[in-house]
Amino acid sequence: QVQLVESGGGLVQAGGSLRLSCAASGSIRLNAMGWYRQAPGKQRESVAVISSSGSTNYADSVKGRFTISRDNAKNTVYLQMNSLKPEDTARYYCNVLSGLLNNRNWGQGTQVTVLE
């Protein structure tokens, strides 16, 4: 079982920046790690994913503004969010695939609110 603890959300003005962190605990292999978000009344959507080898993939809406990275020694994934827009307002969830079967693990979420 993998426990995920997210941090770094908050309130920010449009154009500002935030950095989200997600630390994974548990002695198990961590595969792809990523961030999803869900705004009120909308479906959860993928924001950014990073593979175990470091390959990244981003939603079109955040390309050029967000950067995902991971520190394998710390079992931590980060999401640097720059040039934030009000439409980025959502609850952001860390997601990690673990073990030989790529079990999906979710964090509790952290709120990001961007003011106009």
C-alpha atoms as a PDB file:
ATOM      1  CA  GLN A   1       0.000   0.000   0.000  1.00  0.00           C
ATOM      2  CA  VAL A   2       1.269   3.460  -0.916  1.00  0.00           C
ATOM      3  CA  GLN A   3       0.423   6.501   1.173  1.00  0.00           C
ATOM      4  CA  LEU A   4       0.496   9.836  -0.614  1.00  0.00           C
ATOM      5  CA  VAL A   5       0.740  13.182   1.138  1.00  0.00           C
ATOM      6  CA  GLU A   6       0.258  16.331  -0.914  1.00  0.00           C
ATOM      7  CA  SER A   7       1.191  19.870  -0.020  1.00  0.00           C
ATOM      8  CA  GLY A   8       1.663  23.264  -1.602  1.00  0.00           C
ATOM      9  CA  GLY A   9      -1.812  24.316  -2.606  1.00  0.00           C
ATOM     10  CA  GLY A  10      -3.255  27.687  -1.730  1.00  0.00           C
ATOM     11  CA  LEU A  11      -4.650  30.975  -2.891  1.00  0.00           C
ATOM     12  CA  VAL A  12      -2.801  32.992  -5.524  1.00  0.00           C
ATOM     13  CA  GLN A  13      -3.413  35.891  -7.866  1.00  0.00           C
ATOM     14  CA  ALA A  14      -3.635  35.275 -11.591  1.00  0.00           C
ATOM     15  CA  GLY A  15      -0.151  35.227 -13.061  1.00  0.00           C
ATOM     16  CA  GLY A  16       1.327  33.856  -9.881  1.00  0.00           C
ATOM     17  CA  SER A  17       3.035  30.573  -9.133  1.00  0.00           C
ATOM     18  CA  LEU A  18       2.627  27.620  -6.842  1.00  0.00           C
ATOM     19  CA  ARG A  19       4.571  24.409  -6.343  1.00  0.00           C
ATOM     20  CA  LEU A  20       2.784  21.235  -5.374  1.00  0.00           C
ATOM     21  CA  SER A  21       4.562  18.306  -3.758  1.00  0.00           C
ATOM     22  CA  CYS A  22       3.466  14.733  -3.232  1.00  0.00           C
ATOM     23  CA  ALA A  23       5.487  12.400  -1.056  1.00  0.00           C
ATOM     24  CA  ALA A  24       4.910   8.674  -1.313  1.00  0.00           C
ATOM     25  CA  SER A  25       5.606   6.272   1.510  1.00  0.00           C
ATOM     26  CA  GLY A  26       5.732   2.510   1.461  1.00  0.00           C
ATOM     27  CA  SER A  27       8.387   0.092   0.336  1.00  0.00           C
ATOM     28  CA  ILE A  28       7.098  -0.621  -3.121  1.00  0.00           C
ATOM     29  CA  ARG A  29       8.151   0.174  -6.644  1.00  0.00           C
ATOM     30  CA  LEU A  30       6.771   3.478  -7.907  1.00  0.00           C
ATOM     31  CA  ASN A  31       6.085   3.686 -11.603  1.00  0.00           C
ATOM     32  CA  ALA A  32       4.402   6.618 -13.338  1.00  0.00           C
ATOM     33  CA  MET A  33       3.503   9.563 -11.125  1.00  0.00           C
ATOM     34  CA  GLY A  34       1.149  12.340 -12.006  1.00  0.00           C
ATOM     35  CA  TRP A  35      -1.193  15.128 -11.112  1.00  0.00           C
ATOM     36  CA  TYR A  36      -4.904  15.336 -11.835  1.00  0.00           C
ATOM     37  CA  ARG A  37      -7.362  18.072 -11.036  1.00  0.00           C
ATOM     38  CA  GLN A  38     -11.057  18.404 -10.549  1.00  0.00           C
ATOM     39  CA  ALA A  39     -13.004  21.636 -10.600  1.00  0.00           C
ATOM     40  CA  PRO A  40     -16.531  21.885  -9.170  1.00  0.00           C
ATOM     41  CA  GLY A  41     -19.046  20.333 -11.523  1.00  0.00           C
ATOM     42  CA  LYS A  42     -16.363  18.935 -13.799  1.00  0.00           C
ATOM     43  CA  GLN A  43     -14.731  15.583 -14.300  1.00  0.00           C
ATOM     44  CA  ARG A  44     -11.297  14.843 -12.967  1.00  0.00           C
ATOM     45  CA  GLU A  45      -8.708  15.429 -15.655  1.00  0.00           C
ATOM     46  CA  SER A  46      -5.057  14.587 -16.104  1.00  0.00           C
ATOM     47  CA  VAL A  47      -2.741  17.564 -15.803  1.00  0.00           C
ATOM     48  CA  ALA A  48       0.730  16.068 -16.067  1.00  0.00           C
ATOM     49  CA  VAL A  49       2.373  12.675 -15.863  1.00  0.00           C
ATOM     50  CA  ILE A  50       5.979  11.601 -15.502  1.00  0.00           C
ATOM     51  CA  SER A  51       7.204   8.092 -16.106  1.00  0.00           C
ATOM     52  CA  SER A  52       9.760   6.243 -14.029  1.00  0.00           C
ATOM     53  CA  SER A  53      12.367   7.123 -16.665  1.00  0.00           C
ATOM     54  CA  GLY A  54      11.465  10.810 -16.631  1.00  0.00           C
ATOM     55  CA  SER A  55       9.334  11.124 -19.741  1.00  0.00           C
ATOM     56  CA  THR A  56       6.608  13.708 -19.322  1.00  0.00           C
ATOM     57  CA  ASN A  57       3.199  14.397 -20.766  1.00  0.00           C
ATOM     58  CA  TYR A  58       1.010  17.453 -20.219  1.00  0.00           C
ATOM     59  CA  ALA A  59      -2.534  18.505 -20.842  1.00  0.00           C
ATOM     60  CA  ASP A  60      -2.682  21.057 -23.652  1.00  0.00           C
ATOM     61  CA  SER A  61      -4.137  23.630 -21.272  1.00  0.00           C
ATOM     62  CA  VAL A  62      -1.019  23.681 -19.093  1.00  0.00           C
ATOM     63  CA  LYS A  63       1.781  23.154 -21.604  1.00  0.00           C
ATOM     64  CA  GLY A  64       4.446  25.801 -21.266  1.00  0.00           C
ATOM     65  CA  ARG A  65       3.180  26.863 -17.837  1.00  0.00           C
ATOM     66  CA  PHE A  66       3.420  23.758 -15.653  1.00  0.00           C
ATOM     67  CA  THR A  67       6.407  21.497 -15.104  1.00  0.00           C
ATOM     68  CA  ILE A  68       6.276  18.072 -13.517  1.00  0.00           C
ATOM     69  CA  SER A  69       9.362  16.503 -11.966  1.00  0.00           C
ATOM     70  CA  ARG A  70      10.210  13.713  -9.583  1.00  0.00           C
ATOM     71  CA  ASP A  71      12.903  12.895  -7.062  1.00  0.00           C
ATOM     72  CA  ASN A  72      13.155   9.132  -6.937  1.00  0.00           C
ATOM     73  CA  ALA A  73      15.443   9.204  -3.903  1.00  0.00           C
ATOM     74  CA  LYS A  74      12.701  10.994  -1.980  1.00  0.00           C
ATOM     75  CA  ASN A  75       9.750   9.219  -3.633  1.00  0.00           C
ATOM     76  CA  THR A  76       8.346  12.642  -4.359  1.00  0.00           C
ATOM     77  CA  VAL A  77       6.690  14.206  -7.373  1.00  0.00           C
ATOM     78  CA  TYR A  78       6.390  17.943  -7.892  1.00  0.00           C
ATOM     79  CA  LEU A  79       4.253  20.212 -10.017  1.00  0.00           C
ATOM     80  CA  GLN A  80       5.615  23.697 -10.626  1.00  0.00           C
ATOM     81  CA  MET A  81       2.751  25.889 -11.773  1.00  0.00           C
ATOM     82  CA  ASN A  82       3.550  29.259 -13.310  1.00  0.00           C
ATOM     83  CA  SER A  83       1.412  31.899 -14.991  1.00  0.00           C
ATOM     84  CA  LEU A  84      -1.620  30.582 -13.182  1.00  0.00           C
ATOM     85  CA  LYS A  85      -5.048  31.407 -14.534  1.00  0.00           C
ATOM     86  CA  PRO A  86      -8.451  31.442 -12.819  1.00  0.00           C
ATOM     87  CA  GLU A  87      -9.395  28.394 -14.880  1.00  0.00           C
ATOM     88  CA  ASP A  88      -6.630  26.463 -13.115  1.00  0.00           C
ATOM     89  CA  THR A  89      -8.706  26.645  -9.945  1.00  0.00           C
ATOM     90  CA  ALA A  90      -9.415  23.085  -8.836  1.00  0.00           C
ATOM     91  CA  ARG A  91      -8.544  20.440  -6.328  1.00  0.00           C
ATOM     92  CA  TYR A  92      -5.305  18.811  -7.415  1.00  0.00           C
ATOM     93  CA  TYR A  93      -4.711  15.133  -6.772  1.00  0.00           C
ATOM     94  CA  CYS A  94      -1.492  13.196  -6.817  1.00  0.00           C
ATOM     95  CA  ASN A  95      -1.642   9.833  -8.530  1.00  0.00           C
ATOM     96  CA  VAL A  96       0.969   7.101  -8.452  1.00  0.00           C
ATOM     97  CA  LEU A  97       1.084   3.745 -10.186  1.00  0.00           C
ATOM     98  CA  SER A  98       2.885   1.195  -8.086  1.00  0.00           C
ATOM     99  CA  GLY A  99       4.118  -2.357  -8.097  1.00  0.00           C
ATOM    100  CA  LEU A 100       4.204  -4.945 -10.846  1.00  0.00           C
ATOM    101  CA  LEU A 101       0.468  -4.517 -11.517  1.00  0.00           C
ATOM    102  CA  ASN A 102       0.529  -0.713 -11.712  1.00  0.00           C
ATOM    103  CA  ASN A 103      -1.893  -0.326  -8.836  1.00  0.00           C
ATOM    104  CA  ARG A 104      -3.382   3.154  -8.807  1.00  0.00           C
ATOM    105  CA  ASN A 105      -2.982   5.230  -5.665  1.00  0.00           C
ATOM    106  CA  TRP A 106      -4.558   8.623  -4.965  1.00  0.00           C
ATOM    107  CA  GLY A 107      -3.688  11.384  -2.561  1.00  0.00           C
ATOM    108  CA  GLN A 108      -6.275  13.330  -0.597  1.00  0.00           C
ATOM    109  CA  GLY A 109      -5.984  16.364  -2.830  1.00  0.00           C
ATOM    110  CA  THR A 110      -4.872  19.934  -2.297  1.00  0.00           C
ATOM    111  CA  GLN A 111      -6.895  22.998  -3.247  1.00  0.00           C
ATOM    112  CA  VAL A 112      -5.550  25.551  -5.685  1.00  0.00           C
ATOM    113  CA  THR A 113      -7.514  28.766  -6.082  1.00  0.00           C
ATOM    114  CA  VAL A 114      -6.475  31.424  -8.576  1.00  0.00           C
ATOM    115  CA  LEU A 115      -8.022  34.848  -8.192  1.00  0.00           C
ATOM    116  CA  GLU A 116      -8.632  37.150 -11.146  1.00  0.00           C
END
